[in-house]
């Protein structure tokens, strides 16, 4: 997965990470969070876009965290959906693992030689209800990390 850890050369700014949470089948444009290869950050606000910046070193660390530590390349939204449809256990009362009209979280990473996209419906509720689904838990940790960036820029 070394290709998923390389940024484009400096000076060739392009979107490398896109994250959105929407009540839709596709992410919105602009997404909630977009990070460029030069470290530029754009967060969608109610009244427009707020911009910030992170260093390339911080961006590389974030990408390493997402790709290596949380294993984004092995997270499959379809597999998560199928796992959520399967019963968690056979003992006890029936459990509810889906919420009608839950938002979908969309994450895309686009680097030289590497393009990854994952969509997970209702990840906040599902991750709390199904701690046994490892890929869902890893996706939720990525999502929370990205939401920290969103919140930090929104409050600055």
C-alpha atoms as a PDB file:
ATOM      1  CA  UNK A   1       0.000   0.000   0.000  1.00  0.00           C
ATOM      2  CA  UNK A   2       2.998   2.313  -0.433  1.00  0.00           C
ATOM      3  CA  UNK A   3       1.160   4.018  -3.324  1.00  0.00           C
ATOM      4  CA  UNK A   4      -1.499   5.106  -0.847  1.00  0.00           C
ATOM      5  CA  UNK A   5       1.092   6.936   1.205  1.00  0.00           C
ATOM      6  CA  UNK A   6       2.563   9.208  -1.489  1.00  0.00           C
ATOM      7  CA  UNK A   7       1.437  12.772  -2.139  1.00  0.00           C
ATOM      8  CA  UNK A   8       1.670  14.468  -5.515  1.00  0.00           C
ATOM      9  CA  UNK A   9       4.773  16.679  -5.848  1.00  0.00           C
ATOM     10  CA  UNK A  10       4.650  20.065  -4.068  1.00  0.00           C
ATOM     11  CA  UNK A  11       3.105  22.797  -6.174  1.00  0.00           C
ATOM     12  CA  UNK A  12       0.638  20.445  -7.893  1.00  0.00           C
ATOM     13  CA  UNK A  13      -2.262  20.966  -5.483  1.00  0.00           C
ATOM     14  CA  UNK A  14      -5.152  18.590  -6.078  1.00  0.00           C
ATOM     15  CA  UNK A  15      -7.861  17.122  -3.893  1.00  0.00           C
ATOM     16  CA  UNK A  16      -6.554  14.049  -2.079  1.00  0.00           C
ATOM     17  CA  UNK A  17      -9.225  13.495   0.583  1.00  0.00           C
ATOM     18  CA  UNK A  18     -12.947  14.113   0.460  1.00  0.00           C
ATOM     19  CA  UNK A  19     -15.404  13.405   3.274  1.00  0.00           C
ATOM     20  CA  UNK A  20     -19.123  14.034   3.452  1.00  0.00           C
ATOM     21  CA  UNK A  21     -22.105  12.963   5.526  1.00  0.00           C
ATOM     22  CA  UNK A  22     -25.367  13.285   3.640  1.00  0.00           C
ATOM     23  CA  UNK A  23     -28.939  12.026   3.439  1.00  0.00           C
ATOM     24  CA  UNK A  24     -28.270  11.046  -0.155  1.00  0.00           C
ATOM     25  CA  UNK A  25     -26.936   8.274  -2.376  1.00  0.00           C
ATOM     26  CA  UNK A  26     -23.882  10.336  -3.329  1.00  0.00           C
ATOM     27  CA  UNK A  27     -21.728  12.916  -1.573  1.00  0.00           C
ATOM     28  CA  UNK A  28     -22.600  16.572  -2.001  1.00  0.00           C
ATOM     29  CA  UNK A  29     -20.471  19.067  -3.851  1.00  0.00           C
ATOM     30  CA  UNK A  30     -18.689  20.636  -2.181  1.00  0.00           C
ATOM     31  CA  UNK A  31     -18.238  17.915   0.447  1.00  0.00           C
ATOM     32  CA  UNK A  32     -18.196  18.591   4.171  1.00  0.00           C
ATOM     33  CA  UNK A  33     -14.384  18.289   4.181  1.00  0.00           C
ATOM     34  CA  UNK A  34     -11.866  18.409   1.366  1.00  0.00           C
ATOM     35  CA  UNK A  35      -8.094  18.358   1.787  1.00  0.00           C
ATOM     36  CA  UNK A  36      -5.688  19.198  -1.025  1.00  0.00           C
ATOM     37  CA  UNK A  37      -2.221  17.761  -1.555  1.00  0.00           C
ATOM     38  CA  UNK A  38      -0.666  21.095  -0.536  1.00  0.00           C
ATOM     39  CA  UNK A  39      -2.421  20.892   2.861  1.00  0.00           C
ATOM     40  CA  UNK A  40      -5.274  23.228   1.977  1.00  0.00           C
ATOM     41  CA  UNK A  41      -8.439  22.389   3.912  1.00  0.00           C
ATOM     42  CA  UNK A  42     -11.965  23.374   2.907  1.00  0.00           C
ATOM     43  CA  UNK A  43     -14.920  22.836   5.242  1.00  0.00           C
ATOM     44  CA  UNK A  44     -18.460  23.449   4.067  1.00  0.00           C
ATOM     45  CA  UNK A  45     -20.305  25.777   6.405  1.00  0.00           C
ATOM     46  CA  UNK A  46     -23.945  26.848   6.373  1.00  0.00           C
ATOM     47  CA  UNK A  47     -22.996  30.104   4.673  1.00  0.00           C
ATOM     48  CA  UNK A  48     -20.130  29.025   2.425  1.00  0.00           C
ATOM     49  CA  UNK A  49     -16.680  27.474   2.668  1.00  0.00           C
ATOM     50  CA  UNK A  50     -14.156  28.026   5.450  1.00  0.00           C
ATOM     51  CA  UNK A  51     -10.534  27.433   4.525  1.00  0.00           C
ATOM     52  CA  UNK A  52      -7.532  26.400   6.564  1.00  0.00           C
ATOM     53  CA  UNK A  53      -4.191  24.712   6.126  1.00  0.00           C
ATOM     54  CA  UNK A  54      -2.135  21.855   7.494  1.00  0.00           C
ATOM     55  CA  UNK A  55       1.489  21.093   6.760  1.00  0.00           C
ATOM     56  CA  UNK A  56       2.401  18.383   4.254  1.00  0.00           C
ATOM     57  CA  UNK A  57       3.960  16.491   7.173  1.00  0.00           C
ATOM     58  CA  UNK A  58       0.638  16.624   9.075  1.00  0.00           C
ATOM     59  CA  UNK A  59      -1.217  15.574   5.929  1.00  0.00           C
ATOM     60  CA  UNK A  60       1.117  12.613   5.416  1.00  0.00           C
ATOM     61  CA  UNK A  61       0.619  11.635   9.062  1.00  0.00           C
ATOM     62  CA  UNK A  62      -3.177  11.812   8.621  1.00  0.00           C
ATOM     63  CA  UNK A  63      -3.010   9.670   5.469  1.00  0.00           C
ATOM     64  CA  UNK A  64      -0.769   7.146   7.224  1.00  0.00           C
ATOM     65  CA  UNK A  65      -3.224   7.006  10.125  1.00  0.00           C
ATOM     66  CA  UNK A  66      -6.153   6.392   7.763  1.00  0.00           C
ATOM     67  CA  UNK A  67      -4.417   3.951   5.406  1.00  0.00           C
ATOM     68  CA  UNK A  68      -2.032   2.051   7.667  1.00  0.00           C
ATOM     69  CA  UNK A  69      -3.358   2.278  11.210  1.00  0.00           C
ATOM     70  CA  UNK A  70      -7.090   2.057  10.386  1.00  0.00           C
ATOM     71  CA  UNK A  71      -6.665   0.000   7.202  1.00  0.00           C
ATOM     72  CA  UNK A  72      -8.855   1.984   4.812  1.00  0.00           C
ATOM     73  CA  UNK A  73      -7.879  -0.211   1.831  1.00  0.00           C
ATOM     74  CA  UNK A  74      -9.506  -3.213   3.535  1.00  0.00           C
ATOM     75  CA  UNK A  75     -12.741  -1.424   4.506  1.00  0.00           C
ATOM     76  CA  UNK A  76     -15.594  -2.403   2.189  1.00  0.00           C
ATOM     77  CA  UNK A  77     -18.881  -0.543   2.608  1.00  0.00           C
ATOM     78  CA  UNK A  78     -20.847  -3.383   0.985  1.00  0.00           C
ATOM     79  CA  UNK A  79     -19.307  -5.932   3.337  1.00  0.00           C
ATOM     80  CA  UNK A  80     -20.187  -3.696   6.295  1.00  0.00           C
ATOM     81  CA  UNK A  81     -23.797  -3.443   5.067  1.00  0.00           C
ATOM     82  CA  UNK A  82     -24.025  -7.245   4.727  1.00  0.00           C
ATOM     83  CA  UNK A  83     -22.526  -7.729   8.200  1.00  0.00           C
ATOM     84  CA  UNK A  84     -25.084  -5.311   9.638  1.00  0.00           C
ATOM     85  CA  UNK A  85     -27.887  -7.308   8.041  1.00  0.00           C
ATOM     86  CA  UNK A  86     -26.656 -10.505   9.711  1.00  0.00           C
ATOM     87  CA  UNK A  87     -27.750 -11.175  13.292  1.00  0.00           C
ATOM     88  CA  UNK A  88     -25.207 -10.266  15.976  1.00  0.00           C
ATOM     89  CA  UNK A  89     -26.116 -13.252  18.124  1.00  0.00           C
ATOM     90  CA  UNK A  90     -28.867 -15.747  18.704  1.00  0.00           C
ATOM     91  CA  UNK A  91     -29.521 -15.127  22.394  1.00  0.00           C
ATOM     92  CA  UNK A  92     -31.781 -12.434  23.751  1.00  0.00           C
ATOM     93  CA  UNK A  93     -34.324 -10.137  22.124  1.00  0.00           C
ATOM     94  CA  UNK A  94     -34.112  -9.111  18.487  1.00  0.00           C
ATOM     95  CA  UNK A  95     -31.733  -6.224  17.902  1.00  0.00           C
ATOM     96  CA  UNK A  96     -32.189  -3.282  15.573  1.00  0.00           C
ATOM     97  CA  UNK A  97     -29.076  -2.457  13.547  1.00  0.00           C
ATOM     98  CA  UNK A  98     -30.375   0.067  11.046  1.00  0.00           C
ATOM     99  CA  UNK A  99     -32.070   3.430  11.295  1.00  0.00           C
ATOM    100  CA  UNK A 100     -34.500   4.569   8.634  1.00  0.00           C
ATOM    101  CA  UNK A 101     -33.182   7.633   6.820  1.00  0.00           C
ATOM    102  CA  UNK A 102     -29.779   7.482   8.528  1.00  0.00           C
ATOM    103  CA  UNK A 103     -27.168   9.645   6.783  1.00  0.00           C
ATOM    104  CA  UNK A 104     -24.457   8.050   4.709  1.00  0.00           C
ATOM    105  CA  UNK A 105     -20.786   8.830   5.305  1.00  0.00           C
ATOM    106  CA  UNK A 106     -18.675   9.072   2.151  1.00  0.00           C
ATOM    107  CA  UNK A 107     -14.880   8.959   2.208  1.00  0.00           C
ATOM    108  CA  UNK A 108     -12.584   9.154  -0.819  1.00  0.00           C
ATOM    109  CA  UNK A 109      -8.809   9.150  -0.917  1.00  0.00           C
ATOM    110  CA  UNK A 110      -7.103   9.923  -4.220  1.00  0.00           C
ATOM    111  CA  UNK A 111      -3.313   9.733  -4.392  1.00  0.00           C
ATOM    112  CA  UNK A 112      -0.869   8.850  -7.158  1.00  0.00           C
ATOM    113  CA  UNK A 113      -1.449   5.172  -7.940  1.00  0.00           C
ATOM    114  CA  UNK A 114      -4.200   4.854  -5.329  1.00  0.00           C
ATOM    115  CA  UNK A 115      -7.911   5.652  -5.339  1.00  0.00           C
ATOM    116  CA  UNK A 116     -10.122   4.452  -2.488  1.00  0.00           C
ATOM    117  CA  UNK A 117     -13.800   5.216  -1.828  1.00  0.00           C
ATOM    118  CA  UNK A 118     -16.055   3.910   0.922  1.00  0.00           C
ATOM    119  CA  UNK A 119     -19.663   4.736   1.794  1.00  0.00           C
ATOM    120  CA  UNK A 120     -21.288   3.557   5.029  1.00  0.00           C
ATOM    121  CA  UNK A 121     -24.898   4.239   5.940  1.00  0.00           C
ATOM    122  CA  UNK A 122     -25.687   5.111   9.556  1.00  0.00           C
ATOM    123  CA  UNK A 123     -22.134   4.600  10.795  1.00  0.00           C
ATOM    124  CA  UNK A 124     -22.604   6.448  14.098  1.00  0.00           C
ATOM    125  CA  UNK A 125     -25.572   4.346  15.223  1.00  0.00           C
ATOM    126  CA  UNK A 126     -24.321   1.126  13.630  1.00  0.00           C
ATOM    127  CA  UNK A 127     -20.880   1.327  15.236  1.00  0.00           C
ATOM    128  CA  UNK A 128     -22.453   1.678  18.675  1.00  0.00           C
ATOM    129  CA  UNK A 129     -24.904  -1.161  18.027  1.00  0.00           C
ATOM    130  CA  UNK A 130     -22.384  -3.550  16.458  1.00  0.00           C
ATOM    131  CA  UNK A 131     -18.958  -3.346  18.122  1.00  0.00           C
ATOM    132  CA  UNK A 132     -18.271  -6.826  16.701  1.00  0.00           C
ATOM    133  CA  UNK A 133     -17.818  -5.521  13.127  1.00  0.00           C
ATOM    134  CA  UNK A 134     -14.140  -4.554  12.980  1.00  0.00           C
ATOM    135  CA  UNK A 135     -14.242  -2.759   9.611  1.00  0.00           C
ATOM    136  CA  UNK A 136     -17.167  -0.637  10.824  1.00  0.00           C
ATOM    137  CA  UNK A 137     -15.278   0.296  13.992  1.00  0.00           C
ATOM    138  CA  UNK A 138     -12.188   1.268  11.960  1.00  0.00           C
ATOM    139  CA  UNK A 139     -14.322   3.332   9.560  1.00  0.00           C
ATOM    140  CA  UNK A 140     -15.942   5.101  12.518  1.00  0.00           C
ATOM    141  CA  UNK A 141     -12.493   5.948  13.976  1.00  0.00           C
ATOM    142  CA  UNK A 142     -11.497   7.476  10.628  1.00  0.00           C
ATOM    143  CA  UNK A 143     -14.770   9.379  10.511  1.00  0.00           C
ATOM    144  CA  UNK A 144     -14.306  10.748  14.031  1.00  0.00           C
ATOM    145  CA  UNK A 145     -10.740  11.837  13.195  1.00  0.00           C
ATOM    146  CA  UNK A 146     -11.981  13.724  10.136  1.00  0.00           C
ATOM    147  CA  UNK A 147     -14.826  15.271  12.128  1.00  0.00           C
ATOM    148  CA  UNK A 148     -12.194  16.578  14.582  1.00  0.00           C
ATOM    149  CA  UNK A 149     -10.589  18.453  11.680  1.00  0.00           C
ATOM    150  CA  UNK A 150     -13.980  19.813  10.591  1.00  0.00           C
ATOM    151  CA  UNK A 151     -14.858  20.967  14.109  1.00  0.00           C
ATOM    152  CA  UNK A 152     -11.455  22.507  14.699  1.00  0.00           C
ATOM    153  CA  UNK A 153     -11.674  24.618  11.548  1.00  0.00           C
ATOM    154  CA  UNK A 154     -15.320  25.529  12.166  1.00  0.00           C
ATOM    155  CA  UNK A 155     -14.426  26.837  15.641  1.00  0.00           C
ATOM    156  CA  UNK A 156     -11.287  28.738  14.612  1.00  0.00           C
END
